[in-house]
């Protein structure tokens, strides 16, 4: 899987930009020039999600009412796919459309045409942040390569939302307890699919060779079945919320068996996230027999010399796009082997 071309219109600080990429591309420039925005655009093209923006409307260049992100992707079989996401604000409402080769597609069918793994400085929040952020990350990773997982997540979310409405009505005295059965059964069916696929994911990444330290990832599932739902029923009615199931799952980062959120240094936490991302590359490669696009944002400033050298040794294994701050210490041999693009105030020069 290879991103050959990217076009941006009114995305973040880019009015108009078109770039062609090689096997390894280095984006270099001062801070706040648009390097991270460019990687964000590629991730958005891949997943239809931004890893940073709270609202999609924040991706539209200030003063404009639409943005467009387009990409030309070449598969390992040399098949070419044109991807396009357009977002338009009309009457204060945001509309987002996805297309594959000019044909409108649902997000479920769109995802998977360009598979990416992104590492950024903000990812340290995966270690120290909320469980919802960690669940979101796992969901995005699995949904890119497994349509049945994406479908199960959608069905489960609908079941839990509907189930919570019934719980609220039961508490208010306007619904009966047996009205939960339909949505409970749907939540169990889709929830067990989600739990199994998450468990398989963590089992795999824990077997991947560790280059940075003895990191591991402990999956903490919230199982959902009829017996546990009966056990939690009274508490769920009181809170009007579903209290068990995959929407309560979590996982923790560990080094030598210790929880890094509490016992890890900032450097160890950041290195653990990078280890997770490289393990995800291995998982995706195995899942779809094709390597994902690796996006590394500000990677050299985040790692020591030994870890930088290891990253350099693995970037050539798949297409990789890296951002770096100008004048940063980057090995000369690496600079000679990459496509170098300078980013300055939303423009690119070669």
C-alpha atoms as a PDB file:
ATOM      1  CA  UNK A   1       0.000   0.000   0.000  1.00  0.00           C
ATOM      2  CA  UNK A   2       1.578   3.256  -1.189  1.00  0.00           C
ATOM      3  CA  UNK A   3       0.366   6.862  -1.078  1.00  0.00           C
ATOM      4  CA  UNK A   4       1.614   8.334  -4.334  1.00  0.00           C
ATOM      5  CA  UNK A   5      -0.112  11.711  -4.350  1.00  0.00           C
ATOM      6  CA  UNK A   6      -1.904  14.013  -1.908  1.00  0.00           C
ATOM      7  CA  UNK A   7      -3.981  17.117  -2.654  1.00  0.00           C
ATOM      8  CA  UNK A   8      -5.251  19.514   0.002  1.00  0.00           C
ATOM      9  CA  UNK A   9      -7.700  22.382  -0.368  1.00  0.00           C
ATOM     10  CA  UNK A  10      -8.456  24.632   2.629  1.00  0.00           C
ATOM     11  CA  UNK A  11      -7.184  22.064   5.119  1.00  0.00           C
ATOM     12  CA  UNK A  12      -5.849  23.651   8.318  1.00  0.00           C
ATOM     13  CA  UNK A  13      -3.209  26.204   7.183  1.00  0.00           C
ATOM     14  CA  UNK A  14      -3.060  24.884   3.599  1.00  0.00           C
ATOM     15  CA  UNK A  15      -5.012  26.818   0.972  1.00  0.00           C
ATOM     16  CA  UNK A  16      -3.841  24.543  -1.818  1.00  0.00           C
ATOM     17  CA  UNK A  17      -1.150  21.882  -1.877  1.00  0.00           C
ATOM     18  CA  UNK A  18      -0.216  18.894  -4.018  1.00  0.00           C
ATOM     19  CA  UNK A  19       2.605  16.489  -3.192  1.00  0.00           C
ATOM     20  CA  UNK A  20       4.015  13.265  -4.595  1.00  0.00           C
ATOM     21  CA  UNK A  21       5.660  10.890  -2.119  1.00  0.00           C
ATOM     22  CA  UNK A  22       8.495   8.394  -2.318  1.00  0.00           C
ATOM     23  CA  UNK A  23       9.212   5.327  -0.191  1.00  0.00           C
ATOM     24  CA  UNK A  24      10.599   7.473   2.650  1.00  0.00           C
ATOM     25  CA  UNK A  25       9.781  11.172   2.869  1.00  0.00           C
ATOM     26  CA  UNK A  26      11.114  13.669   5.412  1.00  0.00           C
ATOM     27  CA  UNK A  27       9.089  16.821   6.050  1.00  0.00           C
ATOM     28  CA  UNK A  28      11.354  19.426   7.589  1.00  0.00           C
ATOM     29  CA  UNK A  29      10.763  22.960   8.820  1.00  0.00           C
ATOM     30  CA  UNK A  30      10.401  25.201  11.844  1.00  0.00           C
ATOM     31  CA  UNK A  31       7.667  24.661  14.395  1.00  0.00           C
ATOM     32  CA  UNK A  32       4.100  25.765  13.536  1.00  0.00           C
ATOM     33  CA  UNK A  33       4.655  25.713   9.767  1.00  0.00           C
ATOM     34  CA  UNK A  34       2.260  22.847   8.928  1.00  0.00           C
ATOM     35  CA  UNK A  35       4.282  19.619   9.144  1.00  0.00           C
ATOM     36  CA  UNK A  36       1.951  18.025  11.696  1.00  0.00           C
ATOM     37  CA  UNK A  37      -1.082  19.317   9.786  1.00  0.00           C
ATOM     38  CA  UNK A  38       0.128  17.473   6.704  1.00  0.00           C
ATOM     39  CA  UNK A  39       0.432  14.182   8.592  1.00  0.00           C
ATOM     40  CA  UNK A  40      -2.981  14.840  10.133  1.00  0.00           C
ATOM     41  CA  UNK A  41      -4.441  15.263   6.638  1.00  0.00           C
ATOM     42  CA  UNK A  42      -3.048  11.880   5.564  1.00  0.00           C
ATOM     43  CA  UNK A  43      -4.434  10.193   8.679  1.00  0.00           C
ATOM     44  CA  UNK A  44      -7.786  11.884   8.038  1.00  0.00           C
ATOM     45  CA  UNK A  45      -7.758  10.624   4.442  1.00  0.00           C
ATOM     46  CA  UNK A  46      -7.143   7.142   5.790  1.00  0.00           C
ATOM     47  CA  UNK A  47      -9.598   6.972   8.688  1.00  0.00           C
ATOM     48  CA  UNK A  48     -12.010   9.940   8.177  1.00  0.00           C
ATOM     49  CA  UNK A  49     -10.982  10.923  11.731  1.00  0.00           C
ATOM     50  CA  UNK A  50      -8.592  13.527  13.102  1.00  0.00           C
ATOM     51  CA  UNK A  51      -6.316  12.455  15.969  1.00  0.00           C
ATOM     52  CA  UNK A  52      -6.307  16.042  17.272  1.00  0.00           C
ATOM     53  CA  UNK A  53      -9.402  18.045  16.389  1.00  0.00           C
ATOM     54  CA  UNK A  54     -12.342  17.971  18.806  1.00  0.00           C
ATOM     55  CA  UNK A  55     -14.648  18.817  15.897  1.00  0.00           C
ATOM     56  CA  UNK A  56     -14.215  18.099  12.188  1.00  0.00           C
ATOM     57  CA  UNK A  57     -15.055  21.727  11.421  1.00  0.00           C
ATOM     58  CA  UNK A  58     -11.727  22.719  12.989  1.00  0.00           C
ATOM     59  CA  UNK A  59      -9.964  21.119  10.016  1.00  0.00           C
ATOM     60  CA  UNK A  60     -11.391  23.693   7.597  1.00  0.00           C
ATOM     61  CA  UNK A  61      -9.070  26.635   6.985  1.00  0.00           C
ATOM     62  CA  UNK A  62     -10.160  29.712   8.891  1.00  0.00           C
ATOM     63  CA  UNK A  63     -12.446  31.928   6.813  1.00  0.00           C
ATOM     64  CA  UNK A  64     -13.462  29.108   4.412  1.00  0.00           C
ATOM     65  CA  UNK A  65     -16.625  27.010   4.376  1.00  0.00           C
ATOM     66  CA  UNK A  66     -15.217  23.781   2.924  1.00  0.00           C
ATOM     67  CA  UNK A  67     -12.105  21.636   2.688  1.00  0.00           C
ATOM     68  CA  UNK A  68     -11.068  18.757   0.451  1.00  0.00           C
ATOM     69  CA  UNK A  69      -8.490  16.018   0.955  1.00  0.00           C
ATOM     70  CA  UNK A  70      -7.645  13.774  -2.002  1.00  0.00           C
ATOM     71  CA  UNK A  71      -5.157  10.954  -2.392  1.00  0.00           C
ATOM     72  CA  UNK A  72      -3.953   8.489  -4.994  1.00  0.00           C
ATOM     73  CA  UNK A  73      -3.133   5.118  -3.464  1.00  0.00           C
ATOM     74  CA  UNK A  74      -1.356   2.253  -5.191  1.00  0.00           C
ATOM     75  CA  UNK A  75      -1.774  -1.261  -3.848  1.00  0.00           C
ATOM     76  CA  UNK A  76       0.834  -4.007  -3.844  1.00  0.00           C
ATOM     77  CA  UNK A  77      -0.867  -5.306  -7.001  1.00  0.00           C
ATOM     78  CA  UNK A  78      -0.267  -1.891  -8.661  1.00  0.00           C
ATOM     79  CA  UNK A  79      -3.985  -1.109  -8.629  1.00  0.00           C
ATOM     80  CA  UNK A  80      -4.651   2.604  -8.230  1.00  0.00           C
ATOM     81  CA  UNK A  81      -7.400   4.013  -6.009  1.00  0.00           C
ATOM     82  CA  UNK A  82      -8.516   7.633  -5.794  1.00  0.00           C
ATOM     83  CA  UNK A  83      -9.730   8.639  -2.338  1.00  0.00           C
ATOM     84  CA  UNK A  84     -11.568  11.868  -1.533  1.00  0.00           C
ATOM     85  CA  UNK A  85     -13.094  13.446   1.559  1.00  0.00           C
ATOM     86  CA  UNK A  86     -14.997  16.714   1.231  1.00  0.00           C
ATOM     87  CA  UNK A  87     -16.372  18.654   4.180  1.00  0.00           C
ATOM     88  CA  UNK A  88     -18.723  21.584   3.628  1.00  0.00           C
ATOM     89  CA  UNK A  89     -20.450  23.880   6.087  1.00  0.00           C
ATOM     90  CA  UNK A  90     -23.956  24.819   4.970  1.00  0.00           C
ATOM     91  CA  UNK A  91     -26.324  26.826   7.160  1.00  0.00           C
ATOM     92  CA  UNK A  92     -24.102  26.176  10.203  1.00  0.00           C
ATOM     93  CA  UNK A  93     -24.208  22.403   9.598  1.00  0.00           C
ATOM     94  CA  UNK A  94     -21.203  20.306   8.592  1.00  0.00           C
ATOM     95  CA  UNK A  95     -21.562  17.715   5.831  1.00  0.00           C
ATOM     96  CA  UNK A  96     -18.826  15.138   5.211  1.00  0.00           C
ATOM     97  CA  UNK A  97     -18.703  12.994   2.064  1.00  0.00           C
ATOM     98  CA  UNK A  98     -16.306  10.168   1.239  1.00  0.00           C
ATOM     99  CA  UNK A  99     -15.620   8.840  -2.256  1.00  0.00           C
ATOM    100  CA  UNK A 100     -13.601   5.996  -3.716  1.00  0.00           C
ATOM    101  CA  UNK A 101     -12.762   6.374  -7.413  1.00  0.00           C
ATOM    102  CA  UNK A 102     -15.424   9.062  -7.625  1.00  0.00           C
ATOM    103  CA  UNK A 103     -18.179   6.860  -6.177  1.00  0.00           C
ATOM    104  CA  UNK A 104     -19.755   7.895  -2.831  1.00  0.00           C
ATOM    105  CA  UNK A 105     -19.077   5.350  -0.071  1.00  0.00           C
ATOM    106  CA  UNK A 106     -20.169   4.833   3.509  1.00  0.00           C
ATOM    107  CA  UNK A 107     -17.363   5.164   6.036  1.00  0.00           C
ATOM    108  CA  UNK A 108     -17.554   1.406   6.709  1.00  0.00           C
ATOM    109  CA  UNK A 109     -16.780   0.710   3.050  1.00  0.00           C
ATOM    110  CA  UNK A 110     -14.349   3.605   2.680  1.00  0.00           C
ATOM    111  CA  UNK A 111     -11.940   2.659   5.459  1.00  0.00           C
ATOM    112  CA  UNK A 112      -9.225   0.175   4.532  1.00  0.00           C
ATOM    113  CA  UNK A 113      -8.275   1.689   1.186  1.00  0.00           C
ATOM    114  CA  UNK A 114      -5.348   3.481   2.846  1.00  0.00           C
ATOM    115  CA  UNK A 115      -4.205   2.003   6.144  1.00  0.00           C
ATOM    116  CA  UNK A 116      -2.010   4.144   8.386  1.00  0.00           C
ATOM    117  CA  UNK A 117      -0.242   4.017  11.737  1.00  0.00           C
ATOM    118  CA  UNK A 118       0.521   7.422  13.273  1.00  0.00           C
ATOM    119  CA  UNK A 119       2.974   8.261  16.047  1.00  0.00           C
ATOM    120  CA  UNK A 120       2.838  11.800  17.453  1.00  0.00           C
ATOM    121  CA  UNK A 121       4.039  13.542  20.640  1.00  0.00           C
ATOM    122  CA  UNK A 122       0.464  13.752  21.933  1.00  0.00           C
ATOM    123  CA  UNK A 123       0.259   9.961  21.986  1.00  0.00           C
ATOM    124  CA  UNK A 124       1.773   9.908  25.457  1.00  0.00           C
ATOM    125  CA  UNK A 125      -1.844  10.476  26.543  1.00  0.00           C
ATOM    126  CA  UNK A 126      -2.503   6.864  25.555  1.00  0.00           C
ATOM    127  CA  UNK A 127      -0.492   5.880  28.624  1.00  0.00           C
ATOM    128  CA  UNK A 128      -1.656   8.493  31.122  1.00  0.00           C
ATOM    129  CA  UNK A 129      -5.011   9.570  29.674  1.00  0.00           C
ATOM    130  CA  UNK A 130      -8.546   8.221  29.900  1.00  0.00           C
ATOM    131  CA  UNK A 131      -9.703   4.680  28.997  1.00  0.00           C
ATOM    132  CA  UNK A 132     -11.981   6.172  26.315  1.00  0.00           C
ATOM    133  CA  UNK A 133      -8.904   7.453  24.454  1.00  0.00           C
ATOM    134  CA  UNK A 134      -7.276   4.019  24.558  1.00  0.00           C
ATOM    135  CA  UNK A 135     -10.493   2.351  23.347  1.00  0.00           C
ATOM    136  CA  UNK A 136     -10.761   4.895  20.505  1.00  0.00           C
ATOM    137  CA  UNK A 137      -7.215   4.088  19.430  1.00  0.00           C
ATOM    138  CA  UNK A 138      -7.808   0.327  19.381  1.00  0.00           C
ATOM    139  CA  UNK A 139     -11.086   0.797  17.505  1.00  0.00           C
ATOM    140  CA  UNK A 140      -9.452   2.907  14.777  1.00  0.00           C
ATOM    141  CA  UNK A 141      -6.609   0.401  14.397  1.00  0.00           C
ATOM    142  CA  UNK A 142      -8.889  -2.628  14.071  1.00  0.00           C
ATOM    143  CA  UNK A 143     -11.577  -0.922  11.980  1.00  0.00           C
ATOM    144  CA  UNK A 144      -9.017  -0.118   9.268  1.00  0.00           C
ATOM    145  CA  UNK A 145      -8.358  -3.810   8.600  1.00  0.00           C
ATOM    146  CA  UNK A 146     -11.515  -5.581   9.784  1.00  0.00           C
ATOM    147  CA  UNK A 147     -14.921  -4.562   8.419  1.00  0.00           C
ATOM    148  CA  UNK A 148     -16.701  -7.034  10.691  1.00  0.00           C
ATOM    149  CA  UNK A 149     -15.173  -5.267  13.684  1.00  0.00           C
ATOM    150  CA  UNK A 150     -16.300  -1.894  12.380  1.00  0.00           C
ATOM    151  CA  UNK A 151     -19.803  -3.310  11.866  1.00  0.00           C
ATOM    152  CA  UNK A 152     -19.850  -4.796  15.383  1.00  0.00           C
ATOM    153  CA  UNK A 153     -18.783  -1.470  16.912  1.00  0.00           C
ATOM    154  CA  UNK A 154     -21.608   0.312  15.079  1.00  0.00           C
ATOM    155  CA  UNK A 155     -24.217  -2.265  16.107  1.00  0.00           C
ATOM    156  CA  UNK A 156     -22.992  -2.311  19.711  1.00  0.00           C
ATOM    157  CA  UNK A 157     -23.063   1.481  19.999  1.00  0.00           C
ATOM    158  CA  UNK A 158     -26.647   1.536  18.707  1.00  0.00           C
ATOM    159  CA  UNK A 159     -27.673  -1.219  21.134  1.00  0.00           C
ATOM    160  CA  UNK A 160     -26.131   0.514  24.161  1.00  0.00           C
ATOM    161  CA  UNK A 161     -27.661   3.890  23.277  1.00  0.00           C
ATOM    162  CA  UNK A 162     -31.118   2.310  22.887  1.00  0.00           C
ATOM    163  CA  UNK A 163     -30.679   0.212  26.009  1.00  0.00           C
ATOM    164  CA  UNK A 164     -29.832   3.324  28.047  1.00  0.00           C
ATOM    165  CA  UNK A 165     -33.038   4.989  26.872  1.00  0.00           C
ATOM    166  CA  UNK A 166     -35.049   1.995  28.080  1.00  0.00           C
ATOM    167  CA  UNK A 167     -33.209   2.038  31.429  1.00  0.00           C
ATOM    168  CA  UNK A 168     -34.189   5.678  31.835  1.00  0.00           C
ATOM    169  CA  UNK A 169     -37.848   4.915  31.078  1.00  0.00           C
ATOM    170  CA  UNK A 170     -37.815   1.978  33.525  1.00  0.00           C
ATOM    171  CA  UNK A 171     -36.559   4.276  36.274  1.00  0.00           C
ATOM    172  CA  UNK A 172     -39.279   6.777  35.391  1.00  0.00           C
ATOM    173  CA  UNK A 173     -41.883   4.000  35.496  1.00  0.00           C
ATOM    174  CA  UNK A 174     -42.904   4.219  31.841  1.00  0.00           C
ATOM    175  CA  UNK A 175     -41.274   0.965  30.601  1.00  0.00           C
ATOM    176  CA  UNK A 176     -41.037  -2.646  31.758  1.00  0.00           C
ATOM    177  CA  UNK A 177     -37.792  -4.498  32.503  1.00  0.00           C
ATOM    178  CA  UNK A 178     -38.457  -7.070  29.757  1.00  0.00           C
ATOM    179  CA  UNK A 179     -38.256  -4.273  27.192  1.00  0.00           C
ATOM    180  CA  UNK A 180     -34.487  -4.415  27.715  1.00  0.00           C
ATOM    181  CA  UNK A 181     -34.239  -7.947  26.311  1.00  0.00           C
ATOM    182  CA  UNK A 182     -34.023  -7.076  22.613  1.00  0.00           C
ATOM    183  CA  UNK A 183     -31.267  -4.493  23.061  1.00  0.00           C
ATOM    184  CA  UNK A 184     -29.461  -6.592  25.667  1.00  0.00           C
ATOM    185  CA  UNK A 185     -29.302  -9.534  23.247  1.00  0.00           C
ATOM    186  CA  UNK A 186     -27.924  -7.284  20.506  1.00  0.00           C
ATOM    187  CA  UNK A 187     -25.354  -5.811  22.882  1.00  0.00           C
ATOM    188  CA  UNK A 188     -24.236  -9.290  23.945  1.00  0.00           C
ATOM    189  CA  UNK A 189     -23.943 -10.555  20.359  1.00  0.00           C
ATOM    190  CA  UNK A 190     -21.930  -7.620  19.007  1.00  0.00           C
ATOM    191  CA  UNK A 191     -20.065  -7.068  22.292  1.00  0.00           C
ATOM    192  CA  UNK A 192     -18.669 -10.572  22.320  1.00  0.00           C
ATOM    193  CA  UNK A 193     -17.360 -10.106  18.764  1.00  0.00           C
ATOM    194  CA  UNK A 194     -15.631  -6.898  19.847  1.00  0.00           C
ATOM    195  CA  UNK A 195     -14.113  -8.496  22.948  1.00  0.00           C
ATOM    196  CA  UNK A 196     -12.752 -11.477  21.018  1.00  0.00           C
ATOM    197  CA  UNK A 197     -11.142  -9.339  18.333  1.00  0.00           C
ATOM    198  CA  UNK A 198      -9.619  -6.994  20.905  1.00  0.00           C
ATOM    199  CA  UNK A 199      -8.285  -9.976  22.843  1.00  0.00           C
ATOM    200  CA  UNK A 200      -6.739 -11.437  19.672  1.00  0.00           C
ATOM    201  CA  UNK A 201      -5.141  -8.061  18.933  1.00  0.00           C
ATOM    202  CA  UNK A 202      -3.464  -7.799  22.323  1.00  0.00           C
ATOM    203  CA  UNK A 203      -2.349 -11.415  22.272  1.00  0.00           C
ATOM    204  CA  UNK A 204      -0.615 -10.770  18.952  1.00  0.00           C
ATOM    205  CA  UNK A 205       1.127  -7.490  19.796  1.00  0.00           C
ATOM    206  CA  UNK A 206       2.466  -9.026  23.005  1.00  0.00           C
ATOM    207  CA  UNK A 207       4.283 -11.618  20.884  1.00  0.00           C
ATOM    208  CA  UNK A 208       5.998  -9.059  18.631  1.00  0.00           C
ATOM    209  CA  UNK A 209       9.733  -8.697  19.202  1.00  0.00           C
ATOM    210  CA  UNK A 210      10.489  -5.771  21.528  1.00  0.00           C
ATOM    211  CA  UNK A 211      13.432  -3.581  20.522  1.00  0.00           C
ATOM    212  CA  UNK A 212      13.039  -0.762  23.052  1.00  0.00           C
ATOM    213  CA  UNK A 213      12.415  -2.663  26.300  1.00  0.00           C
ATOM    214  CA  UNK A 214      10.304  -5.370  27.906  1.00  0.00           C
ATOM    215  CA  UNK A 215       6.993  -3.668  27.179  1.00  0.00           C
ATOM    216  CA  UNK A 216       3.681  -5.482  27.317  1.00  0.00           C
ATOM    217  CA  UNK A 217       0.006  -4.513  27.102  1.00  0.00           C
ATOM    218  CA  UNK A 218      -2.576  -5.825  29.543  1.00  0.00           C
ATOM    219  CA  UNK A 219      -6.104  -5.976  28.134  1.00  0.00           C
ATOM    220  CA  UNK A 220      -8.771  -5.418  30.807  1.00  0.00           C
ATOM    221  CA  UNK A 221     -12.098  -6.467  29.241  1.00  0.00           C
ATOM    222  CA  UNK A 222     -15.531  -5.748  30.654  1.00  0.00           C
ATOM    223  CA  UNK A 223     -17.356  -8.917  29.663  1.00  0.00           C
ATOM    224  CA  UNK A 224     -21.029  -8.790  28.781  1.00  0.00           C
ATOM    225  CA  UNK A 225     -23.398 -11.776  29.052  1.00  0.00           C
ATOM    226  CA  UNK A 226     -26.886 -12.466  30.375  1.00  0.00           C
ATOM    227  CA  UNK A 227     -25.720 -13.490  33.831  1.00  0.00           C
ATOM    228  CA  UNK A 228     -23.653 -10.340  34.376  1.00  0.00           C
ATOM    229  CA  UNK A 229     -26.477  -8.149  33.045  1.00  0.00           C
ATOM    230  CA  UNK A 230     -28.851  -9.661  35.598  1.00  0.00           C
ATOM    231  CA  UNK A 231     -26.274  -9.020  38.318  1.00  0.00           C
ATOM    232  CA  UNK A 232     -25.922  -5.338  37.365  1.00  0.00           C
ATOM    233  CA  UNK A 233     -29.598  -4.664  36.517  1.00  0.00           C
ATOM    234  CA  UNK A 234     -30.607  -2.750  39.645  1.00  0.00           C
ATOM    235  CA  UNK A 235     -27.495  -0.561  39.499  1.00  0.00           C
ATOM    236  CA  UNK A 236     -28.028   0.117  35.791  1.00  0.00           C
ATOM    237  CA  UNK A 237     -31.630   1.193  36.358  1.00  0.00           C
ATOM    238  CA  UNK A 238     -30.522   3.484  39.183  1.00  0.00           C
ATOM    239  CA  UNK A 239     -27.834   5.103  37.023  1.00  0.00           C
ATOM    240  CA  UNK A 240     -29.815   4.818  33.731  1.00  0.00           C
ATOM    241  CA  UNK A 241     -26.594   3.640  32.099  1.00  0.00           C
ATOM    242  CA  UNK A 242     -25.204   0.327  30.860  1.00  0.00           C
ATOM    243  CA  UNK A 243     -22.378  -0.382  33.299  1.00  0.00           C
ATOM    244  CA  UNK A 244     -20.689  -3.391  31.693  1.00  0.00           C
ATOM    245  CA  UNK A 245     -19.527  -4.296  28.212  1.00  0.00           C
ATOM    246  CA  UNK A 246     -16.747  -3.356  25.762  1.00  0.00           C
ATOM    247  CA  UNK A 247     -17.554   0.354  26.147  1.00  0.00           C
ATOM    248  CA  UNK A 248     -15.953  -0.053  29.603  1.00  0.00           C
ATOM    249  CA  UNK A 249     -12.843  -1.913  28.396  1.00  0.00           C
ATOM    250  CA  UNK A 250      -9.342  -0.631  29.063  1.00  0.00           C
ATOM    251  CA  UNK A 251      -5.728  -1.655  28.618  1.00  0.00           C
ATOM    252  CA  UNK A 252      -2.540  -0.638  30.387  1.00  0.00           C
ATOM    253  CA  UNK A 253       1.053  -0.181  29.278  1.00  0.00           C
ATOM    254  CA  UNK A 254       3.561  -2.191  31.312  1.00  0.00           C
ATOM    255  CA  UNK A 255       7.347  -2.323  31.572  1.00  0.00           C
ATOM    256  CA  UNK A 256       8.760  -5.333  33.399  1.00  0.00           C
ATOM    257  CA  UNK A 257       5.265  -5.923  34.779  1.00  0.00           C
ATOM    258  CA  UNK A 258       4.779  -2.403  36.202  1.00  0.00           C
ATOM    259  CA  UNK A 259       2.013  -0.023  35.109  1.00  0.00           C
ATOM    260  CA  UNK A 260       3.780   2.767  33.213  1.00  0.00           C
ATOM    261  CA  UNK A 261       1.041   5.292  33.979  1.00  0.00           C
ATOM    262  CA  UNK A 262       2.208   5.240  37.603  1.00  0.00           C
ATOM    263  CA  UNK A 263       5.740   3.869  37.575  1.00  0.00           C
ATOM    264  CA  UNK A 264       7.175   4.983  34.229  1.00  0.00           C
ATOM    265  CA  UNK A 265       9.268   8.015  33.334  1.00  0.00           C
ATOM    266  CA  UNK A 266       8.105  10.295  30.563  1.00  0.00           C
ATOM    267  CA  UNK A 267      10.751   8.815  28.274  1.00  0.00           C
ATOM    268  CA  UNK A 268       9.630   5.256  29.043  1.00  0.00           C
ATOM    269  CA  UNK A 269       6.001   6.190  28.452  1.00  0.00           C
ATOM    270  CA  UNK A 270       6.811   7.715  25.075  1.00  0.00           C
ATOM    271  CA  UNK A 271       8.970   4.779  24.054  1.00  0.00           C
ATOM    272  CA  UNK A 272       6.194   2.365  25.041  1.00  0.00           C
ATOM    273  CA  UNK A 273       3.797   4.182  22.704  1.00  0.00           C
ATOM    274  CA  UNK A 274       6.297   3.902  19.852  1.00  0.00           C
ATOM    275  CA  UNK A 275       6.660   0.184  20.621  1.00  0.00           C
ATOM    276  CA  UNK A 276       2.852  -0.123  20.464  1.00  0.00           C
ATOM    277  CA  UNK A 277       2.733   1.626  17.083  1.00  0.00           C
ATOM    278  CA  UNK A 278       5.455  -0.576  15.568  1.00  0.00           C
ATOM    279  CA  UNK A 279       3.664  -3.639  16.944  1.00  0.00           C
ATOM    280  CA  UNK A 280       0.515  -2.376  15.214  1.00  0.00           C
ATOM    281  CA  UNK A 281       2.446  -2.211  11.935  1.00  0.00           C
ATOM    282  CA  UNK A 282       3.244  -5.908  12.385  1.00  0.00           C
ATOM    283  CA  UNK A 283      -0.398  -6.710  13.258  1.00  0.00           C
ATOM    284  CA  UNK A 284      -1.768  -4.867  10.218  1.00  0.00           C
ATOM    285  CA  UNK A 285       0.798  -6.464   7.909  1.00  0.00           C
ATOM    286  CA  UNK A 286      -0.224  -9.918   9.128  1.00  0.00           C
ATOM    287  CA  UNK A 287      -3.955  -9.122   8.966  1.00  0.00           C
ATOM    288  CA  UNK A 288      -4.076  -7.876   5.395  1.00  0.00           C
ATOM    289  CA  UNK A 289      -0.811  -9.184   3.938  1.00  0.00           C
ATOM    290  CA  UNK A 290       0.097  -5.601   3.071  1.00  0.00           C
ATOM    291  CA  UNK A 291       2.128  -3.030   4.981  1.00  0.00           C
ATOM    292  CA  UNK A 292       0.498   0.168   6.254  1.00  0.00           C
ATOM    293  CA  UNK A 293       1.750   3.699   5.736  1.00  0.00           C
ATOM    294  CA  UNK A 294       3.775   4.752   8.798  1.00  0.00           C
ATOM    295  CA  UNK A 295       3.488   8.405   9.877  1.00  0.00           C
ATOM    296  CA  UNK A 296       6.042   9.651  12.416  1.00  0.00           C
ATOM    297  CA  UNK A 297       5.502  13.151  13.746  1.00  0.00           C
ATOM    298  CA  UNK A 298       8.494  14.876  15.375  1.00  0.00           C
ATOM    299  CA  UNK A 299      10.072  11.493  16.033  1.00  0.00           C
ATOM    300  CA  UNK A 300      13.732  12.518  16.346  1.00  0.00           C
ATOM    301  CA  UNK A 301      13.183  15.035  19.137  1.00  0.00           C
ATOM    302  CA  UNK A 302      11.267  12.432  21.141  1.00  0.00           C
ATOM    303  CA  UNK A 303      13.951   9.715  21.235  1.00  0.00           C
ATOM    304  CA  UNK A 304      17.551   9.251  22.309  1.00  0.00           C
ATOM    305  CA  UNK A 305      20.325   8.335  19.868  1.00  0.00           C
ATOM    306  CA  UNK A 306      19.974   4.531  20.176  1.00  0.00           C
ATOM    307  CA  UNK A 307      16.225   4.638  19.661  1.00  0.00           C
ATOM    308  CA  UNK A 308      16.580   7.004  16.697  1.00  0.00           C
ATOM    309  CA  UNK A 309      18.947   4.545  15.032  1.00  0.00           C
ATOM    310  CA  UNK A 310      16.448   1.727  15.507  1.00  0.00           C
ATOM    311  CA  UNK A 311      13.623   3.791  14.016  1.00  0.00           C
ATOM    312  CA  UNK A 312      15.819   4.612  11.011  1.00  0.00           C
ATOM    313  CA  UNK A 313      16.490   0.893  10.581  1.00  0.00           C
ATOM    314  CA  UNK A 314      12.757   0.062  10.356  1.00  0.00           C
ATOM    315  CA  UNK A 315      11.350   2.945   8.311  1.00  0.00           C
ATOM    316  CA  UNK A 316      12.464   1.414   5.020  1.00  0.00           C
ATOM    317  CA  UNK A 317      10.338  -1.684   5.661  1.00  0.00           C
ATOM    318  CA  UNK A 318       7.200   0.204   4.541  1.00  0.00           C
ATOM    319  CA  UNK A 319       6.353   3.605   3.120  1.00  0.00           C
ATOM    320  CA  UNK A 320       7.097   6.143   5.843  1.00  0.00           C
ATOM    321  CA  UNK A 321       6.516   9.890   6.107  1.00  0.00           C
ATOM    322  CA  UNK A 322       8.417  11.639   8.902  1.00  0.00           C
ATOM    323  CA  UNK A 323       8.343  15.191  10.201  1.00  0.00           C
ATOM    324  CA  UNK A 324      11.332  16.875  11.848  1.00  0.00           C
ATOM    325  CA  UNK A 325      12.227  20.317  13.107  1.00  0.00           C
ATOM    326  CA  UNK A 326      14.737  22.260  11.052  1.00  0.00           C
ATOM    327  CA  UNK A 327      18.337  22.087  12.339  1.00  0.00           C
ATOM    328  CA  UNK A 328      17.556  18.962  14.333  1.00  0.00           C
ATOM    329  CA  UNK A 329      20.304  16.362  14.566  1.00  0.00           C
ATOM    330  CA  UNK A 330      19.494  13.854  11.816  1.00  0.00           C
ATOM    331  CA  UNK A 331      22.107  11.355  10.599  1.00  0.00           C
ATOM    332  CA  UNK A 332      23.637  12.426   7.268  1.00  0.00           C
ATOM    333  CA  UNK A 333      23.346   8.952   5.757  1.00  0.00           C
ATOM    334  CA  UNK A 334      19.618   8.966   6.450  1.00  0.00           C
ATOM    335  CA  UNK A 335      19.211  12.412   4.863  1.00  0.00           C
ATOM    336  CA  UNK A 336      20.880  11.135   1.688  1.00  0.00           C
ATOM    337  CA  UNK A 337      18.402   8.248   1.389  1.00  0.00           C
ATOM    338  CA  UNK A 338      15.090  10.115   1.702  1.00  0.00           C
ATOM    339  CA  UNK A 339      12.899  12.497  -0.250  1.00  0.00           C
ATOM    340  CA  UNK A 340      13.263  15.861   1.515  1.00  0.00           C
ATOM    341  CA  UNK A 341      10.385  18.364   1.516  1.00  0.00           C
ATOM    342  CA  UNK A 342      10.674  21.707   3.293  1.00  0.00           C
ATOM    343  CA  UNK A 343       7.446  23.002   4.830  1.00  0.00           C
ATOM    344  CA  UNK A 344       7.130  26.724   5.452  1.00  0.00           C
ATOM    345  CA  UNK A 345       3.903  28.641   6.199  1.00  0.00           C
ATOM    346  CA  UNK A 346       1.662  26.136   4.435  1.00  0.00           C
ATOM    347  CA  UNK A 347       3.824  25.735   1.342  1.00  0.00           C
ATOM    348  CA  UNK A 348       6.180  22.941   0.304  1.00  0.00           C
ATOM    349  CA  UNK A 349       9.478  23.117  -1.568  1.00  0.00           C
ATOM    350  CA  UNK A 350      11.731  20.260  -2.693  1.00  0.00           C
END
